[in-house]
Amino acid sequence: METQFEIKTSTVAETEQIIDLILTIQQQEFNIPITVADQPDLKVIEEFYKVPGGEFWVAKHQDQVIGSIALINVGDGIGVIRKMFVHKDFRGKERGIAQQLLDILIAYAREKGIKAIYLGTILLLQAAIRFYERNGFMPIEKTNLPASIPLMKVDTHFFVLHLENEQ
């Protein structure tokens, strides 16, 4: 059975649903010791992500947020992916929600003149790591990250996608 969903830019009214989705995945599904206090950006999505060249998108199914992805534009042609999450009941290639979220972000990044997209994750998230690698992201050492990239203290593995090399 095909899941009907839409992807759109987030609104302030969806903030609590976004926080619930992300914390449930982080804390309950993956036992990551992180709270909303460790992620103050979640309380101020409009101010943190929706600045020039940045954006926050959600995937919705029957008025529920089931996925998210955000782009931070740090300048100098550099973007950072944050908050890439899909509810466990809606994951998988057959649904394609994660792929559509990422595709929308990459298209937007190109429009905004971003030449390289970076992200951080943790080793525990093996499916996510494979997903990023399938999409052309290459591992990069933390020491080789641009200084302008805001880091999450839990992240241990980093990746980059160079957009100027793609067509």
Protein backbone atom coordinates (compact mmCIF):
# COMPACT_ATOMS: atom_id res chain seq x y z
CA MET A 1 0.00 0.00 0.00
CA GLU A 2 1.42 3.34 -1.05
CA THR A 3 1.85 5.97 1.63
CA GLN A 4 0.56 9.40 0.71
CA PHE A 5 2.81 12.15 1.99
CA GLU A 6 3.80 15.69 1.17
CA ILE A 7 7.07 17.53 1.66
CA LYS A 8 6.94 21.22 2.45
CA THR A 9 8.79 23.90 4.34
CA SER A 10 8.07 23.78 8.05
CA THR A 11 5.94 26.25 10.01
CA VAL A 12 6.11 27.40 13.61
CA ALA A 13 2.90 25.44 14.28
CA GLU A 14 4.77 22.20 13.52
CA THR A 15 7.61 22.80 16.00
CA GLU A 16 6.30 20.46 18.72
CA GLN A 17 5.65 17.66 16.20
CA ILE A 18 9.19 18.11 14.83
CA ILE A 19 10.68 17.94 18.33
CA ASP A 20 8.61 14.85 19.18
CA LEU A 21 9.71 13.07 15.98
CA ILE A 22 13.40 13.83 16.48
CA LEU A 23 13.58 13.10 20.22
CA THR A 24 11.64 9.84 19.85
CA ILE A 25 14.11 8.61 17.22
CA GLN A 26 17.19 9.83 19.08
CA GLN A 27 16.24 8.75 22.59
CA GLN A 28 13.89 5.78 22.27
CA GLU A 29 14.93 4.17 19.02
CA PHE A 30 18.70 4.69 19.19
CA ASN A 31 19.26 5.40 22.91
CA ILE A 32 21.29 8.51 22.14
CA PRO A 33 21.77 10.54 25.34
CA ILE A 34 20.57 13.85 23.91
CA THR A 35 17.74 16.15 24.97
CA VAL A 36 15.98 19.15 23.50
CA ALA A 37 18.20 21.28 25.77
CA ASP A 38 21.21 19.89 23.87
CA GLN A 39 19.54 21.01 20.61
CA PRO A 40 18.32 24.57 21.26
CA ASP A 41 17.93 25.05 17.49
CA LEU A 42 14.78 22.91 17.66
CA LYS A 43 12.99 25.57 19.69
CA VAL A 44 13.90 28.34 17.23
CA ILE A 45 13.71 26.69 13.80
CA GLU A 46 12.62 29.91 12.10
CA GLU A 47 15.54 31.92 13.47
CA PHE A 48 18.18 29.18 13.23
CA TYR A 49 17.45 27.51 9.89
CA LYS A 50 15.28 29.89 7.87
CA VAL A 51 17.93 32.54 7.44
CA PRO A 52 19.08 33.48 3.92
CA GLY A 53 20.06 30.34 2.05
CA GLY A 54 18.83 27.96 4.75
CA GLU A 55 15.58 26.05 5.18
CA PHE A 56 13.79 23.35 7.18
CA TRP A 57 11.49 20.86 5.46
CA VAL A 58 9.04 18.32 6.83
CA ALA A 59 7.38 15.26 5.34
CA LYS A 60 3.76 14.96 6.46
CA HIS A 61 1.27 12.11 6.36
CA GLN A 62 -2.31 12.82 7.45
CA ASP A 63 -1.25 16.08 9.16
CA GLN A 64 1.51 14.35 11.16
CA VAL A 65 5.19 15.17 10.74
CA ILE A 66 6.88 11.90 9.72
CA GLY A 67 10.19 13.25 8.45
CA SER A 68 12.50 16.24 8.52
CA ILE A 69 15.65 17.68 7.00
CA ALA A 70 17.31 21.06 7.37
CA LEU A 71 19.97 23.04 5.55
CA ILE A 72 22.21 25.63 7.18
CA ASN A 73 23.98 27.97 4.77
CA VAL A 74 27.19 28.98 6.54
CA GLY A 75 28.45 31.08 3.61
CA ASP A 76 31.34 30.69 1.19
CA GLY A 77 29.37 28.08 -0.78
CA ILE A 78 29.12 25.74 2.22
CA GLY A 79 25.94 24.08 3.45
CA VAL A 80 25.31 21.75 6.37
CA ILE A 81 22.58 19.11 6.63
CA ARG A 82 20.93 18.84 10.00
CA LYS A 83 17.91 17.05 11.46
CA MET A 84 17.52 14.35 8.79
CA PHE A 85 14.98 12.01 10.36
CA VAL A 86 12.19 9.75 9.11
CA HIS A 87 9.77 7.97 11.45
CA LYS A 88 10.59 4.24 11.56
CA ASP A 89 7.17 3.27 10.20
CA PHE A 90 7.77 5.35 7.06
CA ARG A 91 11.36 4.39 6.16
CA GLY A 92 12.53 2.37 3.19
CA LYS A 93 13.37 2.75 -0.48
CA GLU A 94 9.86 1.71 -1.49
CA ARG A 95 8.44 4.82 0.19
CA GLY A 96 11.29 7.10 -0.82
CA ILE A 97 10.63 9.74 1.82
CA ALA A 98 14.27 10.16 2.88
CA GLN A 99 15.36 10.30 -0.76
CA GLN A 100 12.81 12.98 -1.61
CA LEU A 101 13.78 15.04 1.44
CA LEU A 102 17.45 14.88 0.43
CA ASP A 103 16.71 15.59 -3.25
CA ILE A 104 14.72 18.71 -2.33
CA LEU A 105 17.52 19.93 -0.06
CA ILE A 106 20.19 19.37 -2.74
CA ALA A 107 18.14 21.17 -5.41
CA TYR A 108 17.59 24.09 -3.03
CA ALA A 109 21.29 24.18 -2.12
CA ARG A 110 22.20 24.41 -5.81
CA GLU A 111 19.74 27.29 -6.27
CA LYS A 112 21.42 29.10 -3.39
CA GLY A 113 24.91 28.67 -4.83
CA ILE A 114 26.11 26.07 -2.34
CA LYS A 115 29.06 24.09 -3.71
CA ALA A 116 29.60 21.59 -0.89
CA ILE A 117 27.21 20.04 1.63
CA TYR A 118 28.58 18.62 4.88
CA LEU A 119 26.93 16.50 7.56
CA GLY A 120 27.77 14.78 10.80
CA THR A 121 26.30 11.57 12.16
CA ILE A 122 27.14 8.73 14.52
CA LEU A 123 28.41 5.23 13.73
CA LEU A 124 25.27 3.70 15.26
CA LEU A 125 23.20 5.06 12.37
CA GLN A 126 24.51 2.56 9.81
CA ALA A 127 21.47 2.74 7.52
CA ALA A 128 21.82 6.53 7.38
CA ILE A 129 25.52 6.25 6.59
CA ARG A 130 24.80 3.81 3.73
CA PHE A 131 22.06 6.15 2.47
CA TYR A 132 24.42 9.13 2.35
CA GLU A 133 27.15 7.09 0.66
CA ARG A 134 24.66 5.86 -1.99
CA ASN A 135 23.88 9.52 -2.64
CA GLY A 136 27.49 10.43 -3.33
CA PHE A 137 28.58 11.70 0.08
CA MET A 138 32.21 10.93 0.85
CA PRO A 139 33.69 10.42 4.34
CA ILE A 140 35.80 13.29 5.61
CA GLU A 141 37.93 13.56 8.73
CA LYS A 142 36.66 15.93 11.40
CA THR A 143 39.98 17.78 11.22
CA ASN A 144 39.33 18.54 7.51
CA LEU A 145 35.94 20.17 8.08
CA PRO A 146 35.68 23.89 7.38
CA ALA A 147 35.87 25.90 10.61
CA SER A 148 32.50 27.53 9.85
CA ILE A 149 30.57 24.28 10.29
CA PRO A 150 28.55 24.08 13.51
CA LEU A 151 29.19 20.68 15.10
CA MET A 152 26.89 18.56 17.26
CA LYS A 153 28.81 17.10 20.18
CA VAL A 154 27.37 13.60 19.58
CA ASP A 155 28.55 13.41 15.94
CA THR A 156 31.56 11.21 15.27
CA HIS A 157 31.44 10.59 11.50
CA PHE A 158 31.41 13.30 8.86
CA PHE A 159 30.62 13.40 5.14
CA VAL A 160 30.75 15.85 2.26
CA LEU A 161 29.01 16.08 -1.11
CA HIS A 162 30.66 18.36 -3.67
CA LEU A 163 27.90 19.79 -5.86
CA GLU A 164 30.14 21.49 -8.41
CA ASN A 165 31.40 18.05 -9.52
CA GLU A 166 27.86 16.76 -10.13
CA GLN A 167 25.63 17.38 -13.11
